[in-house]
Amino acid sequence: MVYFTVLKSLIIFQYSIKVNYEDAKEQLLGIEQINDAVTMLDTQTQQNANVATNTKTIAEYTSKIAQKKEFL
């Protein structure tokens, strides 16, 4: 009888470990997806900053041209 009780406890413990392992795998998958999304957002933010800098440069250059034309 004790043998079956111990065996039953071991089976339950083994199942519990398997469930925890599967949960951990799912959590890891979710974390990896979040990391990928954050990396993509960071890349896009850097590209947007570059576009903004270039736009500012063009606007300043255009403003200088316009100011020179006023004096002509």
N, C-alpha and C. Protein backbone atom coordinates (compact mmCIF):
# COMPACT_ATOMS: atom_id res chain seq x y z
N MET A 1 0.81 -1.20 0.00
CA MET A 1 0.00 0.00 0.00
C MET A 1 0.86 1.26 0.00
N VAL A 2 1.92 1.26 0.80
CA VAL A 2 2.82 2.42 0.87
C VAL A 2 3.48 2.62 -0.49
N TYR A 3 3.82 1.53 -1.16
CA TYR A 3 4.45 1.61 -2.47
C TYR A 3 3.55 2.37 -3.46
N PHE A 4 2.28 2.05 -3.47
CA PHE A 4 1.35 2.70 -4.40
C PHE A 4 1.16 4.18 -4.05
N THR A 5 1.18 4.49 -2.77
CA THR A 5 1.05 5.89 -2.34
C THR A 5 2.27 6.70 -2.81
N VAL A 6 3.44 6.10 -2.64
CA VAL A 6 4.67 6.78 -3.08
C VAL A 6 4.68 6.91 -4.60
N LEU A 7 4.28 5.85 -5.28
CA LEU A 7 4.23 5.87 -6.74
C LEU A 7 3.25 6.93 -7.23
N LYS A 8 2.09 6.98 -6.60
CA LYS A 8 1.09 7.98 -6.96
C LYS A 8 1.65 9.40 -6.74
N SER A 9 2.32 9.62 -5.64
CA SER A 9 2.92 10.93 -5.35
C SER A 9 3.98 11.28 -6.39
N LEU A 10 4.79 10.30 -6.79
CA LEU A 10 5.81 10.54 -7.80
C LEU A 10 5.19 10.89 -9.15
N ILE A 11 4.13 10.21 -9.51
CA ILE A 11 3.44 10.49 -10.78
C ILE A 11 2.85 11.89 -10.75
N ILE A 12 2.23 12.25 -9.64
CA ILE A 12 1.66 13.60 -9.51
C ILE A 12 2.78 14.64 -9.59
N PHE A 13 3.89 14.38 -8.92
CA PHE A 13 5.03 15.31 -8.93
C PHE A 13 5.59 15.45 -10.35
N GLN A 14 5.73 14.33 -11.04
CA GLN A 14 6.24 14.35 -12.41
C GLN A 14 5.31 15.15 -13.32
N TYR A 15 4.01 14.97 -13.15
CA TYR A 15 3.03 15.72 -13.95
C TYR A 15 3.14 17.21 -13.65
N SER A 16 3.30 17.53 -12.38
CA SER A 16 3.43 18.94 -11.97
C SER A 16 4.65 19.58 -12.62
N ILE A 17 5.75 18.86 -12.65
CA ILE A 17 6.98 19.36 -13.29
C ILE A 17 6.74 19.59 -14.77
N LYS A 18 6.06 18.65 -15.43
CA LYS A 18 5.78 18.78 -16.86
C LYS A 18 4.91 20.00 -17.13
N VAL A 19 3.89 20.21 -16.31
CA VAL A 19 3.00 21.36 -16.48
C VAL A 19 3.79 22.66 -16.29
N ASN A 20 4.62 22.72 -15.27
CA ASN A 20 5.43 23.91 -15.03
C ASN A 20 6.40 24.17 -16.18
N TYR A 21 6.96 23.10 -16.73
CA TYR A 21 7.88 23.23 -17.86
C TYR A 21 7.15 23.81 -19.08
N GLU A 22 5.96 23.29 -19.34
CA GLU A 22 5.18 23.79 -20.49
C GLU A 22 4.80 25.26 -20.27
N ASP A 23 4.41 25.62 -19.06
CA ASP A 23 4.08 27.01 -18.74
C ASP A 23 5.29 27.92 -18.95
N ALA A 24 6.45 27.45 -18.51
CA ALA A 24 7.68 28.24 -18.65
C ALA A 24 8.03 28.43 -20.13
N LYS A 25 7.82 27.39 -20.94
CA LYS A 25 8.08 27.51 -22.38
C LYS A 25 7.16 28.55 -23.00
N GLU A 26 5.89 28.56 -22.62
CA GLU A 26 4.94 29.53 -23.15
C GLU A 26 5.32 30.95 -22.72
N GLN A 27 5.74 31.10 -21.48
CA GLN A 27 6.16 32.41 -20.99
C GLN A 27 7.39 32.89 -21.77
N LEU A 28 8.33 32.00 -22.01
CA LEU A 28 9.53 32.36 -22.76
C LEU A 28 9.16 32.81 -24.17
N LEU A 29 8.24 32.09 -24.79
CA LEU A 29 7.78 32.46 -26.13
C LEU A 29 7.18 33.86 -26.12
N GLY A 30 6.36 34.16 -25.12
CA GLY A 30 5.75 35.48 -24.99
C GLY A 30 6.79 36.57 -24.79
N ILE A 31 7.77 36.29 -23.95
CA ILE A 31 8.84 37.26 -23.69
C ILE A 31 9.64 37.51 -24.97
N GLU A 32 9.93 36.47 -25.72
CA GLU A 32 10.66 36.63 -26.98
C GLU A 32 9.86 37.47 -27.97
N GLN A 33 8.55 37.27 -28.03
CA GLN A 33 7.71 38.05 -28.94
C GLN A 33 7.69 39.53 -28.52
N ILE A 34 7.61 39.77 -27.22
CA ILE A 34 7.64 41.15 -26.73
C ILE A 34 8.99 41.79 -27.06
N ASN A 35 10.07 41.05 -26.87
CA ASN A 35 11.40 41.57 -27.17
C ASN A 35 11.52 41.92 -28.65
N ASP A 36 11.00 41.06 -29.51
CA ASP A 36 11.03 41.33 -30.95
C ASP A 36 10.25 42.60 -31.29
N ALA A 37 9.09 42.76 -30.66
CA ALA A 37 8.26 43.94 -30.92
C ALA A 37 8.96 45.21 -30.45
N VAL A 38 9.59 45.16 -29.29
CA VAL A 38 10.31 46.33 -28.77
C VAL A 38 11.49 46.66 -29.67
N THR A 39 12.18 45.66 -30.16
CA THR A 39 13.31 45.89 -31.08
C THR A 39 12.81 46.55 -32.36
N MET A 40 11.68 46.09 -32.89
CA MET A 40 11.13 46.69 -34.10
C MET A 40 10.72 48.15 -33.85
N LEU A 41 10.10 48.40 -32.71
CA LEU A 41 9.70 49.76 -32.37
C LEU A 41 10.91 50.67 -32.22
N ASP A 42 11.96 50.16 -31.61
CA ASP A 42 13.19 50.95 -31.44
C ASP A 42 13.80 51.29 -32.79
N THR A 43 13.84 50.32 -33.69
CA THR A 43 14.37 50.55 -35.03
C THR A 43 13.55 51.62 -35.75
N GLN A 44 12.23 51.51 -35.67
CA GLN A 44 11.36 52.48 -36.33
C GLN A 44 11.53 53.87 -35.72
N THR A 45 11.69 53.94 -34.41
CA THR A 45 11.88 55.22 -33.73
C THR A 45 13.18 55.87 -34.21
N GLN A 46 14.23 55.10 -34.34
CA GLN A 46 15.51 55.63 -34.83
C GLN A 46 15.36 56.14 -36.27
N GLN A 47 14.64 55.40 -37.09
CA GLN A 47 14.43 55.84 -38.47
C GLN A 47 13.61 57.13 -38.50
N ASN A 48 12.60 57.23 -37.65
CA ASN A 48 11.79 58.44 -37.58
C ASN A 48 12.63 59.64 -37.13
N ALA A 49 13.53 59.42 -36.19
CA ALA A 49 14.41 60.49 -35.72
C ALA A 49 15.32 60.96 -36.85
N ASN A 50 15.82 60.03 -37.65
CA ASN A 50 16.66 60.41 -38.79
C ASN A 50 15.87 61.22 -39.81
N VAL A 51 14.65 60.81 -40.09
CA VAL A 51 13.80 61.55 -41.03
C VAL A 51 13.53 62.95 -40.48
N ALA A 52 13.25 63.06 -39.20
CA ALA A 52 13.00 64.37 -38.59
C ALA A 52 14.23 65.27 -38.69
N THR A 53 15.39 64.72 -38.45
CA THR A 53 16.63 65.50 -38.56
C THR A 53 16.83 65.97 -39.99
N ASN A 54 16.63 65.09 -40.96
CA ASN A 54 16.78 65.48 -42.37
C ASN A 54 15.75 66.53 -42.76
N THR A 55 14.53 66.40 -42.27
CA THR A 55 13.48 67.37 -42.57
C THR A 55 13.85 68.73 -42.01
N LYS A 56 14.39 68.76 -40.81
CA LYS A 56 14.81 70.01 -40.19
C LYS A 56 15.92 70.67 -41.02
N THR A 57 16.88 69.87 -41.45
CA THR A 57 17.98 70.38 -42.26
C THR A 57 17.45 70.99 -43.56
N ILE A 58 16.53 70.30 -44.21
CA ILE A 58 15.94 70.81 -45.45
C ILE A 58 15.17 72.10 -45.20
N ALA A 59 14.42 72.14 -44.10
CA ALA A 59 13.65 73.34 -43.76
C ALA A 59 14.57 74.53 -43.51
N GLU A 60 15.66 74.29 -42.80
CA GLU A 60 16.61 75.39 -42.53
C GLU A 60 17.25 75.88 -43.83
N TYR A 61 17.61 74.96 -44.69
CA TYR A 61 18.23 75.32 -45.97
C TYR A 61 17.24 76.11 -46.83
N THR A 62 15.99 75.63 -46.87
CA THR A 62 14.95 76.32 -47.64
C THR A 62 14.71 77.72 -47.09
N SER A 63 14.73 77.85 -45.79
CA SER A 63 14.54 79.16 -45.15
C SER A 63 15.67 80.11 -45.54
N LYS A 64 16.89 79.63 -45.58
CA LYS A 64 18.03 80.47 -45.97
C LYS A 64 17.89 80.92 -47.42
N ILE A 65 17.46 80.01 -48.28
CA ILE A 65 17.27 80.37 -49.68
C ILE A 65 16.19 81.46 -49.80
N ALA A 66 15.10 81.27 -49.06
CA ALA A 66 14.01 82.24 -49.10
C ALA A 66 14.48 83.60 -48.60
N GLN A 67 15.27 83.63 -47.57
CA GLN A 67 15.76 84.90 -47.01
C GLN A 67 16.68 85.59 -48.04
N LYS A 68 17.50 84.86 -48.76
CA LYS A 68 18.38 85.46 -49.76
C LYS A 68 17.56 86.03 -50.92
N LYS A 69 16.49 85.37 -51.29
CA LYS A 69 15.65 85.84 -52.39
C LYS A 69 14.96 87.14 -52.03
N GLU A 70 14.67 87.36 -50.75
CA GLU A 70 14.02 88.60 -50.31
C GLU A 70 14.92 89.81 -50.61
N PHE A 71 16.22 89.63 -50.52
CA PHE A 71 17.14 90.73 -50.70
C PHE A 71 17.48 90.97 -52.18
N LEU A 72 17.04 90.13 -53.05
CA LEU A 72 17.35 90.30 -54.47
C LEU A 72 16.45 91.24 -55.16
